């Protein structure tokens, strides 16, 4: 078992379905990704999350759970890991 979590970079886009106003939802989703040890960079169409794998996955799991509590959502994610992933 690996005791050190490798660095990864995840590009995440989330789409709330049947929401008349998505701006406040997207801002809150990005804020829920932020935590010590992660670099979170919002962009116009997606958000970049960089850090140790277990921290990135934990942040995404919690933010996605919140997002789906009261609405239907679609999340698209592309990940880069290993030696090519930047360190936060």
C-alpha atoms as a PDB file:
ATOM      1  CA  UNK A   1       0.000   0.000   0.000  1.00  0.00           C
ATOM      2  CA  UNK A   2       1.310   3.439  -0.930  1.00  0.00           C
ATOM      3  CA  UNK A   3       1.620   5.806   2.043  1.00  0.00           C
ATOM      4  CA  UNK A   4       2.308   8.904  -0.061  1.00  0.00           C
ATOM      5  CA  UNK A   5      -0.483  10.058  -2.312  1.00  0.00           C
ATOM      6  CA  UNK A   6       0.815  10.998  -5.770  1.00  0.00           C
ATOM      7  CA  UNK A   7       0.117  14.445  -7.189  1.00  0.00           C
ATOM      8  CA  UNK A   8      -2.721  14.697  -9.690  1.00  0.00           C
ATOM      9  CA  UNK A   9      -4.407  17.409 -11.691  1.00  0.00           C
ATOM     10  CA  UNK A  10      -8.155  17.205 -12.330  1.00  0.00           C
ATOM     11  CA  UNK A  11     -10.081  19.416 -14.739  1.00  0.00           C
ATOM     12  CA  UNK A  12     -13.689  19.432 -13.571  1.00  0.00           C
ATOM     13  CA  UNK A  13     -16.842  20.781 -15.200  1.00  0.00           C
ATOM     14  CA  UNK A  14     -20.208  20.446 -13.486  1.00  0.00           C
ATOM     15  CA  UNK A  15     -23.594  21.041 -15.070  1.00  0.00           C
ATOM     16  CA  UNK A  16     -26.693  21.492 -12.918  1.00  0.00           C
ATOM     17  CA  UNK A  17     -29.705  20.337 -14.919  1.00  0.00           C
ATOM     18  CA  UNK A  18     -32.950  22.295 -15.062  1.00  0.00           C
ATOM     19  CA  UNK A  19     -31.498  25.208 -13.046  1.00  0.00           C
ATOM     20  CA  UNK A  20     -32.675  28.649 -14.173  1.00  0.00           C
ATOM     21  CA  UNK A  21     -29.673  30.407 -12.575  1.00  0.00           C
ATOM     22  CA  UNK A  22     -26.364  28.501 -12.511  1.00  0.00           C
ATOM     23  CA  UNK A  23     -23.924  31.239 -11.405  1.00  0.00           C
ATOM     24  CA  UNK A  24     -24.462  30.997  -7.626  1.00  0.00           C
ATOM     25  CA  UNK A  25     -24.403  27.189  -7.799  1.00  0.00           C
ATOM     26  CA  UNK A  26     -21.082  27.147  -9.683  1.00  0.00           C
ATOM     27  CA  UNK A  27     -19.474  29.629  -7.271  1.00  0.00           C
ATOM     28  CA  UNK A  28     -20.523  27.519  -4.276  1.00  0.00           C
ATOM     29  CA  UNK A  29     -19.289  24.310  -5.921  1.00  0.00           C
ATOM     30  CA  UNK A  30     -15.843  25.845  -6.494  1.00  0.00           C
ATOM     31  CA  UNK A  31     -15.709  27.120  -2.907  1.00  0.00           C
ATOM     32  CA  UNK A  32     -16.475  23.621  -1.632  1.00  0.00           C
ATOM     33  CA  UNK A  33     -13.434  22.320  -3.531  1.00  0.00           C
ATOM     34  CA  UNK A  34     -11.068  24.707  -1.743  1.00  0.00           C
ATOM     35  CA  UNK A  35      -9.041  23.311   1.155  1.00  0.00           C
ATOM     36  CA  UNK A  36      -5.466  23.471   2.435  1.00  0.00           C
ATOM     37  CA  UNK A  37      -3.027  21.633   0.195  1.00  0.00           C
ATOM     38  CA  UNK A  38      -5.068  22.034  -2.994  1.00  0.00           C
ATOM     39  CA  UNK A  39      -4.693  24.554  -5.765  1.00  0.00           C
ATOM     40  CA  UNK A  40      -8.114  25.423  -7.223  1.00  0.00           C
ATOM     41  CA  UNK A  41      -8.202  27.526 -10.395  1.00  0.00           C
ATOM     42  CA  UNK A  42     -11.662  28.368 -11.756  1.00  0.00           C
ATOM     43  CA  UNK A  43     -11.863  28.960 -15.499  1.00  0.00           C
ATOM     44  CA  UNK A  44     -14.625  30.022 -17.861  1.00  0.00           C
ATOM     45  CA  UNK A  45     -15.735  26.452 -18.656  1.00  0.00           C
ATOM     46  CA  UNK A  46     -14.089  24.249 -16.018  1.00  0.00           C
ATOM     47  CA  UNK A  47     -12.076  24.282 -12.798  1.00  0.00           C
ATOM     48  CA  UNK A  48      -8.580  22.909 -12.284  1.00  0.00           C
ATOM     49  CA  UNK A  49      -7.894  21.115  -8.983  1.00  0.00           C
ATOM     50  CA  UNK A  50      -4.271  20.181  -8.227  1.00  0.00           C
ATOM     51  CA  UNK A  51      -2.883  18.331  -5.218  1.00  0.00           C
ATOM     52  CA  UNK A  52      -2.294  14.941  -3.664  1.00  0.00           C
ATOM     53  CA  UNK A  53      -4.668  12.341  -5.098  1.00  0.00           C
ATOM     54  CA  UNK A  54      -6.463  11.524  -1.857  1.00  0.00           C
ATOM     55  CA  UNK A  55      -7.077  15.221  -1.153  1.00  0.00           C
ATOM     56  CA  UNK A  56      -8.372  15.927  -4.664  1.00  0.00           C
ATOM     57  CA  UNK A  57     -10.717  12.918  -4.526  1.00  0.00           C
ATOM     58  CA  UNK A  58     -11.969  13.851  -1.048  1.00  0.00           C
ATOM     59  CA  UNK A  59     -12.742  17.412  -2.145  1.00  0.00           C
ATOM     60  CA  UNK A  60     -14.512  16.220  -5.289  1.00  0.00           C
ATOM     61  CA  UNK A  61     -16.517  13.623  -3.386  1.00  0.00           C
ATOM     62  CA  UNK A  62     -17.769  16.173  -0.849  1.00  0.00           C
ATOM     63  CA  UNK A  63     -18.518  18.879  -3.434  1.00  0.00           C
ATOM     64  CA  UNK A  64     -20.318  16.423  -5.721  1.00  0.00           C
ATOM     65  CA  UNK A  65     -22.400  15.051  -2.837  1.00  0.00           C
ATOM     66  CA  UNK A  66     -23.461  18.607  -1.942  1.00  0.00           C
ATOM     67  CA  UNK A  67     -24.230  19.395  -5.597  1.00  0.00           C
ATOM     68  CA  UNK A  68     -26.552  16.418  -5.988  1.00  0.00           C
ATOM     69  CA  UNK A  69     -28.496  16.864  -2.751  1.00  0.00           C
ATOM     70  CA  UNK A  70     -31.278  18.989  -4.235  1.00  0.00           C
ATOM     71  CA  UNK A  71     -30.727  18.851  -7.980  1.00  0.00           C
ATOM     72  CA  UNK A  72     -29.641  16.596 -10.776  1.00  0.00           C
ATOM     73  CA  UNK A  73     -26.081  17.267 -11.948  1.00  0.00           C
ATOM     74  CA  UNK A  74     -23.599  15.989 -14.496  1.00  0.00           C
ATOM     75  CA  UNK A  75     -19.884  16.132 -13.684  1.00  0.00           C
ATOM     76  CA  UNK A  76     -17.184  15.732 -16.327  1.00  0.00           C
ATOM     77  CA  UNK A  77     -13.592  15.216 -15.180  1.00  0.00           C
ATOM     78  CA  UNK A  78     -10.254  14.721 -16.911  1.00  0.00           C
ATOM     79  CA  UNK A  79      -7.282  13.716 -14.771  1.00  0.00           C
ATOM     80  CA  UNK A  80      -3.515  13.723 -15.160  1.00  0.00           C
ATOM     81  CA  UNK A  81      -1.356  11.863 -12.697  1.00  0.00           C
ATOM     82  CA  UNK A  82       2.109  10.569 -12.106  1.00  0.00           C
ATOM     83  CA  UNK A  83       5.326  12.322 -12.982  1.00  0.00           C
ATOM     84  CA  UNK A  84       3.626  14.765 -15.359  1.00  0.00           C
ATOM     85  CA  UNK A  85       1.213  16.180 -12.764  1.00  0.00           C
ATOM     86  CA  UNK A  86       2.271  19.525 -11.302  1.00  0.00           C
ATOM     87  CA  UNK A  87       2.795  19.926  -7.592  1.00  0.00           C
ATOM     88  CA  UNK A  88       0.586  22.558  -5.906  1.00  0.00           C
END
